[in-house]
């Protein structure tokens, strides 16, 4: 249903380096880019994520209540991606990786360099 999600950035180089490494953990690389936009996805294989400098020329800002979730294959990948983001890529913790609710949802929450809230999760 969703083809891609875009997030605004005020520092394309810093944000791109973050998403290059984060998306590589899911086997996804850049599929499109120009000086104001970069998208990571495997065309035809699910949702992608993009970074953009806002078209209106105003500074990018974070949406309150907005979060992008990356689906992992298992809890080990959740742990690996969460640790990569927080310990190596400079993300800030919004909730460590672990079981949530009845235990069938396993997730870690963090914010990217621009402050966007992200989640990596698996079910089951």
PDB file of N, CA and C in Angstrom:
ATOM      1  N   UNK A   1       0.810  -1.181   0.000  1.00  0.00           N
ATOM      2  CA  UNK A   1       0.000   0.000   0.000  1.00  0.00           C
ATOM      3  C   UNK A   1       0.868   1.265   0.000  1.00  0.00           C
ATOM      4  N   UNK A   2       1.850   1.384   0.875  1.00  0.00           N
ATOM      5  CA  UNK A   2       2.721   2.558   0.887  1.00  0.00           C
ATOM      6  C   UNK A   2       3.925   2.274   0.004  1.00  0.00           C
ATOM      7  N   UNK A   3       4.229   3.188  -0.899  1.00  0.00           N
ATOM      8  CA  UNK A   3       5.360   3.016  -1.798  1.00  0.00           C
ATOM      9  C   UNK A   3       6.665   3.513  -1.216  1.00  0.00           C
ATOM     10  N   UNK A   4       6.615   4.703  -0.575  1.00  0.00           N
ATOM     11  CA  UNK A   4       7.799   5.247   0.068  1.00  0.00           C
ATOM     12  C   UNK A   4       7.401   6.339   1.042  1.00  0.00           C
ATOM     13  N   UNK A   5       8.330   6.677   1.916  1.00  0.00           N
ATOM     14  CA  UNK A   5       8.172   7.729   2.906  1.00  0.00           C
ATOM     15  C   UNK A   5       9.346   8.673   2.729  1.00  0.00           C
ATOM     16  N   UNK A   6       9.106   9.977   2.777  1.00  0.00           N
ATOM     17  CA  UNK A   6      10.215  10.925   2.727  1.00  0.00           C
ATOM     18  C   UNK A   6      10.336  11.658   4.056  1.00  0.00           C
ATOM     19  N   UNK A   7      11.556  11.949   4.417  1.00  0.00           N
ATOM     20  CA  UNK A   7      11.875  12.691   5.629  1.00  0.00           C
ATOM     21  C   UNK A   7      12.715  13.887   5.234  1.00  0.00           C
ATOM     22  N   UNK A   8      12.427  15.028   5.834  1.00  0.00           N
ATOM     23  CA  UNK A   8      13.194  16.230   5.542  1.00  0.00           C
ATOM     24  C   UNK A   8      14.520  16.217   6.269  1.00  0.00           C
ATOM     25  N   UNK A   9      15.500  16.868   5.664  1.00  0.00           N
ATOM     26  CA  UNK A   9      16.809  16.997   6.303  1.00  0.00           C
ATOM     27  C   UNK A   9      17.370  18.391   6.085  1.00  0.00           C
ATOM     28  N   UNK A  10      18.151  18.832   7.059  1.00  0.00           N
ATOM     29  CA  UNK A  10      18.871  20.099   6.948  1.00  0.00           C
ATOM     30  C   UNK A  10      20.353  19.864   6.692  1.00  0.00           C
ATOM     31  N   UNK A  11      20.793  18.618   6.696  1.00  0.00           N
ATOM     32  CA  UNK A  11      22.190  18.259   6.450  1.00  0.00           C
ATOM     33  C   UNK A  11      22.202  16.969   5.634  1.00  0.00           C
ATOM     34  N   UNK A  12      22.095  17.112   4.325  1.00  0.00           N
ATOM     35  CA  UNK A  12      21.968  15.953   3.441  1.00  0.00           C
ATOM     36  C   UNK A  12      23.140  14.991   3.585  1.00  0.00           C
ATOM     37  N   UNK A  13      24.355  15.483   3.662  1.00  0.00           N
ATOM     38  CA  UNK A  13      25.524  14.601   3.744  1.00  0.00           C
ATOM     39  C   UNK A  13      25.495  13.750   5.021  1.00  0.00           C
ATOM     40  N   UNK A  14      25.208  14.369   6.147  1.00  0.00           N
ATOM     41  CA  UNK A  14      25.174  13.645   7.418  1.00  0.00           C
ATOM     42  C   UNK A  14      24.021  12.636   7.437  1.00  0.00           C
ATOM     43  N   UNK A  15      22.843  13.066   7.009  1.00  0.00           N
ATOM     44  CA  UNK A  15      21.687  12.177   7.002  1.00  0.00           C
ATOM     45  C   UNK A  15      21.880  11.036   6.001  1.00  0.00           C
ATOM     46  N   UNK A  16      22.452  11.325   4.847  1.00  0.00           N
ATOM     47  CA  UNK A  16      22.675  10.292   3.833  1.00  0.00           C
ATOM     48  C   UNK A  16      23.630   9.221   4.344  1.00  0.00           C
ATOM     49  N   UNK A  17      24.674   9.619   5.044  1.00  0.00           N
ATOM     50  CA  UNK A  17      25.613   8.639   5.605  1.00  0.00           C
ATOM     51  C   UNK A  17      24.903   7.736   6.616  1.00  0.00           C
ATOM     52  N   UNK A  18      24.023   8.311   7.434  1.00  0.00           N
ATOM     53  CA  UNK A  18      23.237   7.545   8.407  1.00  0.00           C
ATOM     54  C   UNK A  18      22.366   6.516   7.678  1.00  0.00           C
ATOM     55  N   UNK A  19      21.593   6.944   6.689  1.00  0.00           N
ATOM     56  CA  UNK A  19      20.672   6.036   5.992  1.00  0.00           C
ATOM     57  C   UNK A  19      21.398   5.053   5.070  1.00  0.00           C
ATOM     58  N   UNK A  20      22.549   5.427   4.522  1.00  0.00           N
ATOM     59  CA  UNK A  20      23.332   4.453   3.738  1.00  0.00           C
ATOM     60  C   UNK A  20      23.642   3.223   4.587  1.00  0.00           C
ATOM     61  N   UNK A  21      24.124   3.448   5.797  1.00  0.00           N
ATOM     62  CA  UNK A  21      24.502   2.327   6.671  1.00  0.00           C
ATOM     63  C   UNK A  21      23.290   1.619   7.245  1.00  0.00           C
ATOM     64  N   UNK A  22      22.271   2.373   7.641  1.00  0.00           N
ATOM     65  CA  UNK A  22      21.064   1.762   8.193  1.00  0.00           C
ATOM     66  C   UNK A  22      20.373   0.889   7.144  1.00  0.00           C
ATOM     67  N   UNK A  23      20.175   1.403   5.960  1.00  0.00           N
ATOM     68  CA  UNK A  23      19.480   0.660   4.904  1.00  0.00           C
ATOM     69  C   UNK A  23      20.299  -0.526   4.406  1.00  0.00           C
ATOM     70  N   UNK A  24      21.621  -0.415   4.445  1.00  0.00           N
ATOM     71  CA  UNK A  24      22.473  -1.541   4.039  1.00  0.00           C
ATOM     72  C   UNK A  24      22.200  -2.774   4.888  1.00  0.00           C
ATOM     73  N   UNK A  25      21.817  -2.572   6.152  1.00  0.00           N
ATOM     74  CA  UNK A  25      21.502  -3.709   7.028  1.00  0.00           C
ATOM     75  C   UNK A  25      20.277  -4.478   6.549  1.00  0.00           C
ATOM     76  N   UNK A  26      19.463  -3.851   5.716  1.00  0.00           N
ATOM     77  CA  UNK A  26      18.286  -4.506   5.146  1.00  0.00           C
ATOM     78  C   UNK A  26      18.527  -4.926   3.693  1.00  0.00           C
ATOM     79  N   UNK A  27      19.771  -4.787   3.234  1.00  0.00           N
ATOM     80  CA  UNK A  27      20.116  -5.166   1.869  1.00  0.00           C
ATOM     81  C   UNK A  27      19.604  -4.184   0.828  1.00  0.00           C
ATOM     82  N   UNK A  28      19.415  -2.935   1.236  1.00  0.00           N
ATOM     83  CA  UNK A  28      18.857  -1.920   0.348  1.00  0.00           C
ATOM     84  C   UNK A  28      19.871  -0.792   0.163  1.00  0.00           C
ATOM     85  N   UNK A  29      20.015  -0.347  -1.077  1.00  0.00           N
ATOM     86  CA  UNK A  29      20.897   0.768  -1.378  1.00  0.00           C
ATOM     87  C   UNK A  29      20.139   1.904  -2.030  1.00  0.00           C
ATOM     88  N   UNK A  30      20.879   2.908  -2.407  1.00  0.00           N
ATOM     89  CA  UNK A  30      20.271   4.050  -3.086  1.00  0.00           C
ATOM     90  C   UNK A  30      19.712   3.610  -4.430  1.00  0.00           C
ATOM     91  N   UNK A  31      18.499   4.064  -4.719  1.00  0.00           N
ATOM     92  CA  UNK A  31      17.896   3.739  -6.019  1.00  0.00           C
ATOM     93  C   UNK A  31      17.691   4.984  -6.877  1.00  0.00           C
ATOM     94  N   UNK A  32      17.736   6.162  -6.238  1.00  0.00           N
ATOM     95  CA  UNK A  32      17.532   7.406  -6.957  1.00  0.00           C
ATOM     96  C   UNK A  32      18.142   8.533  -6.133  1.00  0.00           C
ATOM     97  N   UNK A  33      18.744   9.498  -6.825  1.00  0.00           N
ATOM     98  CA  UNK A  33      19.254  10.656  -6.093  1.00  0.00           C
ATOM     99  C   UNK A  33      19.551  11.815  -7.018  1.00  0.00           C
ATOM    100  N   UNK A  34      19.449  12.996  -6.448  1.00  0.00           N
ATOM    101  CA  UNK A  34      19.938  14.222  -7.069  1.00  0.00           C
ATOM    102  C   UNK A  34      20.422  15.112  -5.927  1.00  0.00           C
ATOM    103  N   UNK A  35      20.697  16.359  -6.183  1.00  0.00           N
ATOM    104  CA  UNK A  35      21.289  17.203  -5.134  1.00  0.00           C
ATOM    105  C   UNK A  35      20.336  17.502  -3.971  1.00  0.00           C
ATOM    106  N   UNK A  36      19.032  17.315  -4.166  1.00  0.00           N
ATOM    107  CA  UNK A  36      18.059  17.623  -3.117  1.00  0.00           C
ATOM    108  C   UNK A  36      17.284  16.421  -2.604  1.00  0.00           C
ATOM    109  N   UNK A  37      17.554  15.229  -3.130  1.00  0.00           N
ATOM    110  CA  UNK A  37      16.746  14.060  -2.786  1.00  0.00           C
ATOM    111  C   UNK A  37      17.552  12.776  -2.951  1.00  0.00           C
ATOM    112  N   UNK A  38      17.394  11.841  -2.007  1.00  0.00           N
ATOM    113  CA  UNK A  38      17.976  10.503  -2.121  1.00  0.00           C
ATOM    114  C   UNK A  38      16.907   9.519  -1.672  1.00  0.00           C
ATOM    115  N   UNK A  39      16.753   8.418  -2.404  1.00  0.00           N
ATOM    116  CA  UNK A  39      15.805   7.369  -2.023  1.00  0.00           C
ATOM    117  C   UNK A  39      16.519   6.031  -1.940  1.00  0.00           C
ATOM    118  N   UNK A  40      16.176   5.245  -0.919  1.00  0.00           N
ATOM    119  CA  UNK A  40      16.700   3.900  -0.720  1.00  0.00           C
ATOM    120  C   UNK A  40      15.543   2.922  -0.849  1.00  0.00           C
ATOM    121  N   UNK A  41      15.713   1.920  -1.691  1.00  0.00           N
ATOM    122  CA  UNK A  41      14.677   0.898  -1.871  1.00  0.00           C
ATOM    123  C   UNK A  41      15.167  -0.141  -2.864  1.00  0.00           C
ATOM    124  N   UNK A  42      14.465  -1.251  -2.893  1.00  0.00           N
ATOM    125  CA  UNK A  42      14.586  -2.223  -3.967  1.00  0.00           C
ATOM    126  C   UNK A  42      13.284  -2.113  -4.741  1.00  0.00           C
ATOM    127  N   UNK A  43      13.307  -1.479  -5.923  1.00  0.00           N
ATOM    128  CA  UNK A  43      12.066  -1.241  -6.669  1.00  0.00           C
ATOM    129  C   UNK A  43      11.221  -2.516  -6.801  1.00  0.00           C
ATOM    130  N   UNK A  44       9.941  -2.366  -6.520  1.00  0.00           N
ATOM    131  CA  UNK A  44       9.012  -3.476  -6.630  1.00  0.00           C
ATOM    132  C   UNK A  44       9.054  -4.448  -5.463  1.00  0.00           C
ATOM    133  N   UNK A  45       9.842  -4.130  -4.430  1.00  0.00           N
ATOM    134  CA  UNK A  45       9.989  -5.062  -3.303  1.00  0.00           C
ATOM    135  C   UNK A  45       9.665  -4.392  -1.971  1.00  0.00           C
ATOM    136  N   UNK A  46       8.628  -3.613  -1.933  1.00  0.00           N
ATOM    137  CA  UNK A  46       8.213  -3.004  -0.678  1.00  0.00           C
ATOM    138  C   UNK A  46       8.540  -1.535  -0.602  1.00  0.00           C
ATOM    139  N   UNK A  47       8.195  -0.972   0.524  1.00  0.00           N
ATOM    140  CA  UNK A  47       8.315   0.457   0.779  1.00  0.00           C
ATOM    141  C   UNK A  47       9.770   0.921   0.829  1.00  0.00           C
ATOM    142  N   UNK A  48      10.007   2.114   0.351  1.00  0.00           N
ATOM    143  CA  UNK A  48      11.322   2.734   0.425  1.00  0.00           C
ATOM    144  C   UNK A  48      11.291   3.945   1.328  1.00  0.00           C
ATOM    145  N   UNK A  49      12.476   4.493   1.580  1.00  0.00           N
ATOM    146  CA  UNK A  49      12.595   5.702   2.396  1.00  0.00           C
ATOM    147  C   UNK A  49      13.441   6.709   1.629  1.00  0.00           C
ATOM    148  N   UNK A  50      13.069   7.976   1.734  1.00  0.00           N
ATOM    149  CA  UNK A  50      13.797   9.022   1.050  1.00  0.00           C
ATOM    150  C   UNK A  50      14.114  10.185   1.973  1.00  0.00           C
ATOM    151  N   UNK A  51      15.163  10.901   1.634  1.00  0.00           N
ATOM    152  CA  UNK A  51      15.534  12.145   2.316  1.00  0.00           C
ATOM    153  C   UNK A  51      15.384  13.277   1.325  1.00  0.00           C
ATOM    154  N   UNK A  52      14.904  14.407   1.798  1.00  0.00           N
ATOM    155  CA  UNK A  52      14.750  15.538   0.905  1.00  0.00           C
ATOM    156  C   UNK A  52      15.008  16.853   1.626  1.00  0.00           C
ATOM    157  N   UNK A  53      15.518  17.801   0.888  1.00  0.00           N
ATOM    158  CA  UNK A  53      15.537  19.181   1.364  1.00  0.00           C
ATOM    159  C   UNK A  53      14.141  19.702   1.033  1.00  0.00           C
ATOM    160  N   UNK A  54      13.451  20.330   1.976  1.00  0.00           N
ATOM    161  CA  UNK A  54      12.094  20.778   1.705  1.00  0.00           C
ATOM    162  C   UNK A  54      11.997  21.650   0.452  1.00  0.00           C
ATOM    163  N   UNK A  55      11.020  21.343  -0.381  1.00  0.00           N
ATOM    164  CA  UNK A  55      10.812  22.033  -1.647  1.00  0.00           C
ATOM    165  C   UNK A  55      10.537  23.514  -1.452  1.00  0.00           C
ATOM    166  N   UNK A  56       9.879  23.871  -0.342  1.00  0.00           N
ATOM    167  CA  UNK A  56       9.520  25.276  -0.119  1.00  0.00           C
ATOM    168  C   UNK A  56      10.694  26.134   0.351  1.00  0.00           C
ATOM    169  N   UNK A  57      11.863  25.515   0.572  1.00  0.00           N
ATOM    170  CA  UNK A  57      13.048  26.259   0.972  1.00  0.00           C
ATOM    171  C   UNK A  57      13.156  26.537   2.459  1.00  0.00           C
ATOM    172  N   UNK A  58      12.113  26.213   3.219  1.00  0.00           N
ATOM    173  CA  UNK A  58      12.158  26.388   4.666  1.00  0.00           C
ATOM    174  C   UNK A  58      12.936  25.246   5.308  1.00  0.00           C
ATOM    175  N   UNK A  59      13.405  25.429   6.542  1.00  0.00           N
ATOM    176  CA  UNK A  59      14.124  24.346   7.218  1.00  0.00           C
ATOM    177  C   UNK A  59      13.228  23.122   7.416  1.00  0.00           C
ATOM    178  N   UNK A  60      13.834  21.948   7.333  1.00  0.00           N
ATOM    179  CA  UNK A  60      13.117  20.707   7.628  1.00  0.00           C
ATOM    180  C   UNK A  60      12.802  20.678   9.111  1.00  0.00           C
ATOM    181  N   UNK A  61      11.665  20.106   9.457  1.00  0.00           N
ATOM    182  CA  UNK A  61      11.286  19.954  10.856  1.00  0.00           C
ATOM    183  C   UNK A  61      10.711  18.564  11.068  1.00  0.00           C
ATOM    184  N   UNK A  62      10.655  18.146  12.331  1.00  0.00           N
ATOM    185  CA  UNK A  62      10.186  16.816  12.696  1.00  0.00           C
ATOM    186  C   UNK A  62       8.698  16.863  12.981  1.00  0.00           C
ATOM    187  N   UNK A  63       7.949  15.883  12.479  1.00  0.00           N
ATOM    188  CA  UNK A  63       6.518  15.807  12.735  1.00  0.00           C
ATOM    189  C   UNK A  63       6.234  15.135  14.071  1.00  0.00           C
ATOM    190  N   UNK A  64       5.488  15.817  14.927  1.00  0.00           N
ATOM    191  CA  UNK A  64       5.124  15.242  16.218  1.00  0.00           C
ATOM    192  C   UNK A  64       4.103  14.132  16.002  1.00  0.00           C
ATOM    193  N   UNK A  65       4.418  12.930  16.461  1.00  0.00           N
ATOM    194  CA  UNK A  65       3.540  11.784  16.265  1.00  0.00           C
ATOM    195  C   UNK A  65       3.869  10.974  15.022  1.00  0.00           C
ATOM    196  N   UNK A  66       4.851  11.417  14.244  1.00  0.00           N
ATOM    197  CA  UNK A  66       5.256  10.711  13.030  1.00  0.00           C
ATOM    198  C   UNK A  66       6.403   9.769  13.353  1.00  0.00           C
ATOM    199  N   UNK A  67       6.341   8.545  12.835  1.00  0.00           N
ATOM    200  CA  UNK A  67       7.421   7.582  13.022  1.00  0.00           C
ATOM    201  C   UNK A  67       7.483   6.689  11.787  1.00  0.00           C
ATOM    202  N   UNK A  68       8.684   6.332  11.390  1.00  0.00           N
ATOM    203  CA  UNK A  68       8.895   5.387  10.302  1.00  0.00           C
ATOM    204  C   UNK A  68       9.434   4.102  10.911  1.00  0.00           C
ATOM    205  N   UNK A  69       8.834   2.968  10.549  1.00  0.00           N
ATOM    206  CA  UNK A  69       9.228   1.671  11.101  1.00  0.00           C
ATOM    207  C   UNK A  69       9.864   0.808  10.015  1.00  0.00           C
ATOM    208  N   UNK A  70      11.027   0.250  10.323  1.00  0.00           N
ATOM    209  CA  UNK A  70      11.740  -0.664   9.433  1.00  0.00           C
ATOM    210  C   UNK A  70      11.495  -2.088   9.903  1.00  0.00           C
ATOM    211  N   UNK A  71      10.978  -2.938   9.042  1.00  0.00           N
ATOM    212  CA  UNK A  71      10.687  -4.321   9.431  1.00  0.00           C
ATOM    213  C   UNK A  71      11.934  -5.187   9.295  1.00  0.00           C
ATOM    214  N   UNK A  72      12.303  -5.831  10.395  1.00  0.00           N
ATOM    215  CA  UNK A  72      13.462  -6.725  10.436  1.00  0.00           C
ATOM    216  C   UNK A  72      12.999  -8.162  10.250  1.00  0.00           C
ATOM    217  N   UNK A  73      13.938  -9.041   9.890  1.00  0.00           N
ATOM    218  CA  UNK A  73      13.582 -10.451   9.686  1.00  0.00           C
ATOM    219  C   UNK A  73      13.454 -11.215  10.997  1.00  0.00           C
ATOM    220  N   UNK A  74      14.158 -10.751  12.055  1.00  0.00           N
ATOM    221  CA  UNK A  74      14.114 -11.449  13.344  1.00  0.00           C
ATOM    222  C   UNK A  74      14.641 -10.534  14.450  1.00  0.00           C
ATOM    223  N   UNK A  75      14.585 -11.021  15.694  1.00  0.00           N
ATOM    224  CA  UNK A  75      15.024 -10.198  16.832  1.00  0.00           C
ATOM    225  C   UNK A  75      16.518  -9.878  16.754  1.00  0.00           C
ATOM    226  N   UNK A  76      17.310 -10.784  16.207  1.00  0.00           N
ATOM    227  CA  UNK A  76      18.751 -10.524  16.079  1.00  0.00           C
ATOM    228  C   UNK A  76      19.000  -9.326  15.166  1.00  0.00           C
ATOM    229  N   UNK A  77      18.235  -9.217  14.093  1.00  0.00           N
ATOM    230  CA  UNK A  77      18.413  -8.072  13.195  1.00  0.00           C
ATOM    231  C   UNK A  77      17.915  -6.788  13.868  1.00  0.00           C
ATOM    232  N   UNK A  78      16.838  -6.875  14.642  1.00  0.00           N
ATOM    233  CA  UNK A  78      16.380  -5.702  15.397  1.00  0.00           C
ATOM    234  C   UNK A  78      17.509  -5.217  16.300  1.00  0.00           C
ATOM    235  N   UNK A  79      18.085  -6.133  17.068  1.00  0.00           N
ATOM    236  CA  UNK A  79      19.169  -5.769  17.982  1.00  0.00           C
ATOM    237  C   UNK A  79      20.351  -5.157  17.233  1.00  0.00           C
ATOM    238  N   UNK A  80      20.726  -5.759  16.117  1.00  0.00           N
ATOM    239  CA  UNK A  80      21.875  -5.290  15.340  1.00  0.00           C
ATOM    240  C   UNK A  80      21.646  -3.887  14.788  1.00  0.00           C
ATOM    241  N   UNK A  81      20.477  -3.654  14.197  1.00  0.00           N
ATOM    242  CA  UNK A  81      20.184  -2.351  13.603  1.00  0.00           C
ATOM    243  C   UNK A  81      20.056  -1.282  14.689  1.00  0.00           C
ATOM    244  N   UNK A  82      19.370  -1.608  15.769  1.00  0.00           N
ATOM    245  CA  UNK A  82      19.232  -0.653  16.879  1.00  0.00           C
ATOM    246  C   UNK A  82      20.619  -0.268  17.416  1.00  0.00           C
ATOM    247  N   UNK A  83      21.465  -1.253  17.660  1.00  0.00           N
ATOM    248  CA  UNK A  83      22.806  -1.005  18.180  1.00  0.00           C
ATOM    249  C   UNK A  83      23.633  -0.172  17.187  1.00  0.00           C
ATOM    250  N   UNK A  84      23.554  -0.501  15.906  1.00  0.00           N
ATOM    251  CA  UNK A  84      24.255   0.268  14.876  1.00  0.00           C
ATOM    252  C   UNK A  84      23.823   1.729  14.918  1.00  0.00           C
ATOM    253  N   UNK A  85      22.522   1.952  14.935  1.00  0.00           N
ATOM    254  CA  UNK A  85      22.001   3.316  14.912  1.00  0.00           C
ATOM    255  C   UNK A  85      22.440   4.117  16.134  1.00  0.00           C
ATOM    256  N   UNK A  86      22.281   3.541  17.316  1.00  0.00           N
ATOM    257  CA  UNK A  86      22.533   4.275  18.563  1.00  0.00           C
ATOM    258  C   UNK A  86      24.006   4.335  18.931  1.00  0.00           C
ATOM    259  N   UNK A  87      24.729   3.236  18.763  1.00  0.00           N
ATOM    260  CA  UNK A  87      26.120   3.190  19.212  1.00  0.00           C
ATOM    261  C   UNK A  87      27.128   3.647  18.165  1.00  0.00           C
ATOM    262  N   UNK A  88      26.780   3.536  16.883  1.00  0.00           N
ATOM    263  CA  UNK A  88      27.755   3.874  15.850  1.00  0.00           C
ATOM    264  C   UNK A  88      27.366   5.060  14.975  1.00  0.00           C
ATOM    265  N   UNK A  89      26.064   5.247  14.750  1.00  0.00           N
ATOM    266  CA  UNK A  89      25.640   6.271  13.797  1.00  0.00           C
ATOM    267  C   UNK A  89      25.128   7.547  14.453  1.00  0.00           C
ATOM    268  N   UNK A  90      25.147   7.615  15.771  1.00  0.00           N
ATOM    269  CA  UNK A  90      24.774   8.831  16.466  1.00  0.00           C
ATOM    270  C   UNK A  90      23.290   9.045  16.689  1.00  0.00           C
ATOM    271  N   UNK A  91      22.486   8.015  16.488  1.00  0.00           N
ATOM    272  CA  UNK A  91      21.060   8.143  16.783  1.00  0.00           C
ATOM    273  C   UNK A  91      20.867   8.254  18.291  1.00  0.00           C
ATOM    274  N   UNK A  92      19.752   8.825  18.702  1.00  0.00           N
ATOM    275  CA  UNK A  92      19.437   8.900  20.122  1.00  0.00           C
ATOM    276  C   UNK A  92      18.357   7.881  20.452  1.00  0.00           C
ATOM    277  N   UNK A  93      18.480   7.245  21.597  1.00  0.00           N
ATOM    278  CA  UNK A  93      17.563   6.201  22.028  1.00  0.00           C
ATOM    279  C   UNK A  93      16.200   6.786  22.379  1.00  0.00           C
ATOM    280  N   UNK A  94      15.165   6.117  21.908  1.00  0.00           N
ATOM    281  CA  UNK A  94      13.784   6.448  22.271  1.00  0.00           C
ATOM    282  C   UNK A  94      13.111   5.233  22.915  1.00  0.00           C
ATOM    283  N   UNK A  95      13.881   4.186  23.171  1.00  0.00           N
ATOM    284  CA  UNK A  95      13.367   2.952  23.767  1.00  0.00           C
ATOM    285  C   UNK A  95      14.205   1.789  23.270  1.00  0.00           C
ATOM    286  N   UNK A  96      14.959   1.143  24.154  1.00  0.00           N
ATOM    287  CA  UNK A  96      15.874   0.079  23.723  1.00  0.00           C
ATOM    288  C   UNK A  96      15.151  -1.102  23.095  1.00  0.00           C
ATOM    289  N   UNK A  97      15.883  -1.852  22.283  1.00  0.00           N
ATOM    290  CA  UNK A  97      15.321  -3.029  21.634  1.00  0.00           C
ATOM    291  C   UNK A  97      14.876  -4.041  22.682  1.00  0.00           C
ATOM    292  N   UNK A  98      13.692  -4.589  22.472  1.00  0.00           N
ATOM    293  CA  UNK A  98      13.159  -5.585  23.395  1.00  0.00           C
ATOM    294  C   UNK A  98      11.708  -5.875  23.090  1.00  0.00           C
ATOM    295  N   UNK A  99      11.144  -6.841  23.813  1.00  0.00           N
ATOM    296  CA  UNK A  99       9.737  -7.201  23.585  1.00  0.00           C
ATOM    297  C   UNK A  99       8.803  -6.097  24.067  1.00  0.00           C
ATOM    298  N   UNK A 100       7.684  -5.964  23.398  1.00  0.00           N
ATOM    299  CA  UNK A 100       6.655  -5.001  23.763  1.00  0.00           C
ATOM    300  C   UNK A 100       5.323  -5.746  23.871  1.00  0.00           C
ATOM    301  N   UNK A 101       4.463  -5.231  24.718  1.00  0.00           N
ATOM    302  CA  UNK A 101       3.132  -5.812  24.849  1.00  0.00           C
ATOM    303  C   UNK A 101       3.180  -7.248  25.320  1.00  0.00           C
ATOM    304  N   UNK A 102       2.505  -8.125  24.592  1.00  0.00           N
ATOM    305  CA  UNK A 102       2.436  -9.544  24.968  1.00  0.00           C
ATOM    306  C   UNK A 102       3.673 -10.324  24.545  1.00  0.00           C
ATOM    307  N   UNK A 103       4.658  -9.651  23.985  1.00  0.00           N
ATOM    308  CA  UNK A 103       5.904 -10.300  23.582  1.00  0.00           C
ATOM    309  C   UNK A 103       5.965 -10.690  22.121  1.00  0.00           C
ATOM    310  N   UNK A 104       4.845 -10.555  21.379  1.00  0.00           N
ATOM    311  CA  UNK A 104       4.869 -10.918  19.959  1.00  0.00           C
ATOM    312  C   UNK A 104       5.419  -9.790  19.089  1.00  0.00           C
ATOM    313  N   UNK A 105       5.610  -8.619  19.668  1.00  0.00           N
ATOM    314  CA  UNK A 105       6.169  -7.465  18.961  1.00  0.00           C
ATOM    315  C   UNK A 105       7.496  -7.138  19.626  1.00  0.00           C
ATOM    316  N   UNK A 106       8.566  -7.107  18.855  1.00  0.00           N
ATOM    317  CA  UNK A 106       9.910  -6.850  19.359  1.00  0.00           C
ATOM    318  C   UNK A 106      10.438  -5.645  18.598  1.00  0.00           C
ATOM    319  N   UNK A 107      10.845  -4.601  19.316  1.00  0.00           N
ATOM    320  CA  UNK A 107      11.212  -3.363  18.636  1.00  0.00           C
ATOM    321  C   UNK A 107      12.217  -2.544  19.418  1.00  0.00           C
ATOM    322  N   UNK A 108      12.932  -1.688  18.694  1.00  0.00           N
ATOM    323  CA  UNK A 108      13.800  -0.679  19.265  1.00  0.00           C
ATOM    324  C   UNK A 108      13.480   0.646  18.607  1.00  0.00           C
ATOM    325  N   UNK A 109      13.510   1.726  19.373  1.00  0.00           N
ATOM    326  CA  UNK A 109      13.135   3.053  18.889  1.00  0.00           C
ATOM    327  C   UNK A 109      14.308   4.014  19.022  1.00  0.00           C
ATOM    328  N   UNK A 110      14.479   4.874  18.015  1.00  0.00           N
ATOM    329  CA  UNK A 110      15.568   5.844  18.037  1.00  0.00           C
ATOM    330  C   UNK A 110      15.245   7.013  17.122  1.00  0.00           C
ATOM    331  N   UNK A 111      16.026   8.086  17.259  1.00  0.00           N
ATOM    332  CA  UNK A 111      15.872   9.261  16.402  1.00  0.00           C
ATOM    333  C   UNK A 111      17.116   9.440  15.543  1.00  0.00           C
ATOM    334  N   UNK A 112      16.889   9.744  14.271  1.00  0.00           N
ATOM    335  CA  UNK A 112      17.989   9.956  13.328  1.00  0.00           C
ATOM    336  C   UNK A 112      18.668  11.298  13.588  1.00  0.00           C
ATOM    337  N   UNK A 113      19.706  11.650  12.819  1.00  0.00           N
ATOM    338  CA  UNK A 113      20.426  12.903  13.063  1.00  0.00           C
ATOM    339  C   UNK A 113      19.571  14.170  12.974  1.00  0.00           C
ATOM    340  N   UNK A 114      18.465  14.121  12.219  1.00  0.00           N
ATOM    341  CA  UNK A 114      17.574  15.270  12.121  1.00  0.00           C
ATOM    342  C   UNK A 114      16.465  15.237  13.167  1.00  0.00           C
ATOM    343  N   UNK A 115      16.398  14.175  13.971  1.00  0.00           N
ATOM    344  CA  UNK A 115      15.389  14.079  15.021  1.00  0.00           C
ATOM    345  C   UNK A 115      14.152  13.291  14.665  1.00  0.00           C
ATOM    346  N   UNK A 116      14.112  12.696  13.460  1.00  0.00           N
ATOM    347  CA  UNK A 116      12.961  11.883  13.063  1.00  0.00           C
ATOM    348  C   UNK A 116      12.926  10.596  13.882  1.00  0.00           C
ATOM    349  N   UNK A 117      11.748  10.243  14.375  1.00  0.00           N
ATOM    350  CA  UNK A 117      11.611   9.021  15.165  1.00  0.00           C
ATOM    351  C   UNK A 117      11.512   7.824  14.239  1.00  0.00           C
ATOM    352  N   UNK A 118      12.363   6.831  14.514  1.00  0.00           N
ATOM    353  CA  UNK A 118      12.406   5.596  13.739  1.00  0.00           C
ATOM    354  C   UNK A 118      12.233   4.411  14.667  1.00  0.00           C
ATOM    355  N   UNK A 119      11.885   3.295  14.081  1.00  0.00           N
ATOM    356  CA  UNK A 119      11.683   2.048  14.821  1.00  0.00           C
ATOM    357  C   UNK A 119      12.182   0.925  13.935  1.00  0.00           C
ATOM    358  N   UNK A 120      12.783  -0.068  14.538  1.00  0.00           N
ATOM    359  CA  UNK A 120      13.091  -1.316  13.838  1.00  0.00           C
ATOM    360  C   UNK A 120      12.365  -2.405  14.627  1.00  0.00           C
ATOM    361  N   UNK A 121      11.621  -3.272  13.923  1.00  0.00           N
ATOM    362  CA  UNK A 121      10.761  -4.228  14.625  1.00  0.00           C
ATOM    363  C   UNK A 121      10.653  -5.547  13.878  1.00  0.00           C
ATOM    364  N   UNK A 122      10.175  -6.553  14.590  1.00  0.00           N
ATOM    365  CA  UNK A 122       9.745  -7.817  13.987  1.00  0.00           C
ATOM    366  C   UNK A 122       8.557  -8.331  14.783  1.00  0.00           C
ATOM    367  N   UNK A 123       7.788  -9.167  14.158  1.00  0.00           N
ATOM    368  CA  UNK A 123       6.612  -9.772  14.787  1.00  0.00           C
ATOM    369  C   UNK A 123       6.872 -11.257  14.989  1.00  0.00           C
ATOM    370  N   UNK A 124       6.318 -11.776  16.086  1.00  0.00           N
ATOM    371  CA  UNK A 124       6.397 -13.217  16.303  1.00  0.00           C
ATOM    372  C   UNK A 124       7.534 -13.676  17.166  1.00  0.00           C
TER     373      UNK A 124
END
